[in-house]
Protein backbone atom coordinates (compact mmCIF):
# COMPACT_ATOMS: atom_id res chain seq x y z
CA UNK A 1 -5.21 -7.24 -8.59
CA UNK A 2 -7.64 -10.15 -8.61
CA UNK A 3 -6.99 -11.48 -12.10
CA UNK A 4 -6.14 -15.12 -12.18
CA UNK A 5 -3.71 -14.97 -15.04
CA UNK A 6 -0.98 -17.50 -14.40
CA UNK A 7 1.80 -14.94 -14.61
CA UNK A 8 0.19 -12.82 -11.90
CA UNK A 9 -1.13 -15.38 -9.44
CA UNK A 10 0.74 -18.66 -9.26
CA UNK A 11 -0.97 -20.07 -6.19
CA UNK A 12 -3.07 -19.03 -3.22
CA UNK A 13 -0.01 -17.54 -1.49
CA UNK A 14 -0.13 -14.74 -4.07
CA UNK A 15 -3.66 -13.68 -3.10
CA UNK A 16 -3.75 -10.63 -0.85
CA UNK A 17 -6.80 -12.00 0.98
CA UNK A 18 -4.87 -15.15 1.84
CA UNK A 19 -1.85 -13.19 3.09
CA UNK A 20 -4.01 -10.89 5.24
CA UNK A 21 -6.16 -13.74 6.56
CA UNK A 22 -3.15 -15.87 7.46
CA UNK A 23 -1.40 -12.99 9.23
CA UNK A 24 -4.53 -12.13 11.19
CA UNK A 25 -5.09 -15.77 12.19
CA UNK A 26 -1.59 -15.85 13.68
CA UNK A 27 -2.26 -12.61 15.57
CA UNK A 28 -5.58 -13.90 16.91
CA UNK A 29 -3.90 -17.12 18.05
CA UNK A 30 -1.21 -15.19 19.92
CA UNK A 31 -3.80 -12.86 21.47
CA UNK A 32 -5.93 -15.69 22.83
CA UNK A 33 -2.97 -17.12 24.74
CA UNK A 34 -3.58 -14.31 27.24
CA UNK A 35 -7.22 -15.24 27.87
CA UNK A 36 -8.30 -16.58 31.26
CA UNK A 37 -7.80 -20.32 31.58
CA UNK A 38 -11.53 -21.10 31.46
CA UNK A 39 -11.87 -19.25 28.14
CA UNK A 40 -8.97 -20.91 26.33
CA UNK A 41 -11.22 -23.80 25.35
CA UNK A 42 -14.44 -21.84 24.99
CA UNK A 43 -14.50 -18.47 23.24
CA UNK A 44 -10.72 -18.58 22.67
CA UNK A 45 -11.01 -21.81 20.73
CA UNK A 46 -14.00 -20.52 18.78
CA UNK A 47 -12.28 -17.34 17.60
CA UNK A 48 -9.08 -19.24 16.73
CA UNK A 49 -11.03 -21.75 14.62
CA UNK A 50 -12.98 -18.99 12.86
CA UNK A 51 -9.80 -17.00 12.14
CA UNK A 52 -7.94 -20.06 10.83
CA UNK A 53 -10.93 -21.03 8.70
CA UNK A 54 -10.46 -17.94 6.54
CA UNK A 55 -7.06 -18.75 4.99
CA UNK A 56 -7.93 -22.46 4.96
CA UNK A 57 -11.05 -21.84 2.86
CA UNK A 58 -9.14 -19.53 0.53
CA UNK A 59 -6.39 -22.12 0.01
CA UNK A 60 -8.80 -25.02 -0.45
CA UNK A 61 -10.99 -23.04 -2.79
CA UNK A 62 -8.05 -21.89 -4.85
CA UNK A 63 -7.30 -25.54 -5.51
CA UNK A 64 -10.64 -25.56 -7.35
CA UNK A 65 -10.15 -22.21 -9.09
CA UNK A 66 -10.88 -23.72 -12.49
CA UNK A 67 -14.38 -24.46 -11.20
CA UNK A 68 -15.45 -20.88 -10.57
CA UNK A 69 -18.58 -21.71 -8.59
CA UNK A 70 -16.61 -24.01 -6.27
CA UNK A 71 -13.95 -21.40 -5.63
CA UNK A 72 -16.57 -18.74 -4.97
CA UNK A 73 -18.35 -21.04 -2.51
CA UNK A 74 -15.12 -21.38 -0.51
CA UNK A 75 -14.63 -17.61 -0.63
CA UNK A 76 -18.18 -17.16 0.67
CA UNK A 77 -17.35 -19.57 3.51
CA UNK A 78 -14.23 -17.51 4.25
CA UNK A 79 -16.37 -14.36 4.33
CA UNK A 80 -18.76 -16.05 6.75
CA UNK A 81 -15.84 -16.91 9.03
CA UNK A 82 -14.62 -13.33 8.76
CA UNK A 83 -18.02 -12.15 10.00
CA UNK A 84 -17.89 -14.72 12.79
CA UNK A 85 -14.53 -13.34 13.92
CA UNK A 86 -16.00 -9.81 13.90
CA UNK A 87 -18.80 -10.87 16.28
CA UNK A 88 -16.35 -12.73 18.52
CA UNK A 89 -14.09 -9.67 18.63
CA UNK A 90 -17.04 -7.65 19.95
CA UNK A 91 -17.68 -10.34 22.58
CA UNK A 92 -14.10 -10.60 23.81
CA UNK A 93 -13.86 -6.82 24.00
CA UNK A 94 -17.10 -6.60 25.99
CA UNK A 95 -15.86 -9.41 28.27
CA UNK A 96 -12.71 -7.38 28.91
CA UNK A 97 -10.24 -9.82 27.34
CA UNK A 98 -8.91 -7.27 24.83
CA UNK A 99 -9.00 -3.51 24.74
CA UNK A 100 -6.06 -1.88 22.93
CA UNK A 101 -6.08 -4.48 20.15
CA UNK A 102 -9.80 -4.32 19.45
CA UNK A 103 -9.86 -1.36 17.03
CA UNK A 104 -6.93 -2.68 15.03
CA UNK A 105 -8.44 -6.14 14.72
CA UNK A 106 -11.86 -4.73 13.86
CA UNK A 107 -10.41 -2.55 11.09
CA UNK A 108 -8.32 -5.42 9.70
CA UNK A 109 -11.25 -7.84 9.61
CA UNK A 110 -13.52 -5.22 8.05
CA UNK A 111 -10.86 -4.66 5.38
CA UNK A 112 -10.48 -8.40 4.85
CA UNK A 113 -14.25 -8.78 4.47
CA UNK A 114 -14.31 -6.07 1.80
CA UNK A 115 -11.41 -7.75 -0.02
CA UNK A 116 -13.16 -11.12 0.06
CA UNK A 117 -16.38 -9.56 -1.19
CA UNK A 118 -14.58 -7.91 -4.07
CA UNK A 119 -12.78 -11.14 -4.99
CA UNK A 120 -16.08 -13.04 -4.94
CA UNK A 121 -17.62 -10.44 -7.26
CA UNK A 122 -14.70 -10.22 -9.70
CA UNK A 123 -13.36 -13.80 -9.99
CA UNK A 124 -14.25 -15.19 -13.41
């Protein structure tokens, strides 16, 4: 799944972590549109930036895939952003901005974190 053979993975779009991260970033963006006005530029902006940072780091790092340490550093940054989103999800739930969506988001970001971790460990 994570091999970088050219016939399997042609670009970052083929990476499952990119696909999942991109999809989740879109969902987070749509969710934050419903936040109170005063939070759109505070916690809403912070969680959007953290969510978008994940696929951005994956894409940028993939551009350096031939330099394994560089690519892994970008994946580690993506994992850090994934953890940031997880904390922010807890905050927006506790602030009452989301309820029904919380469990789904939490599971998805936990899954994404595990995928990123595995990719970091296995990319050679």
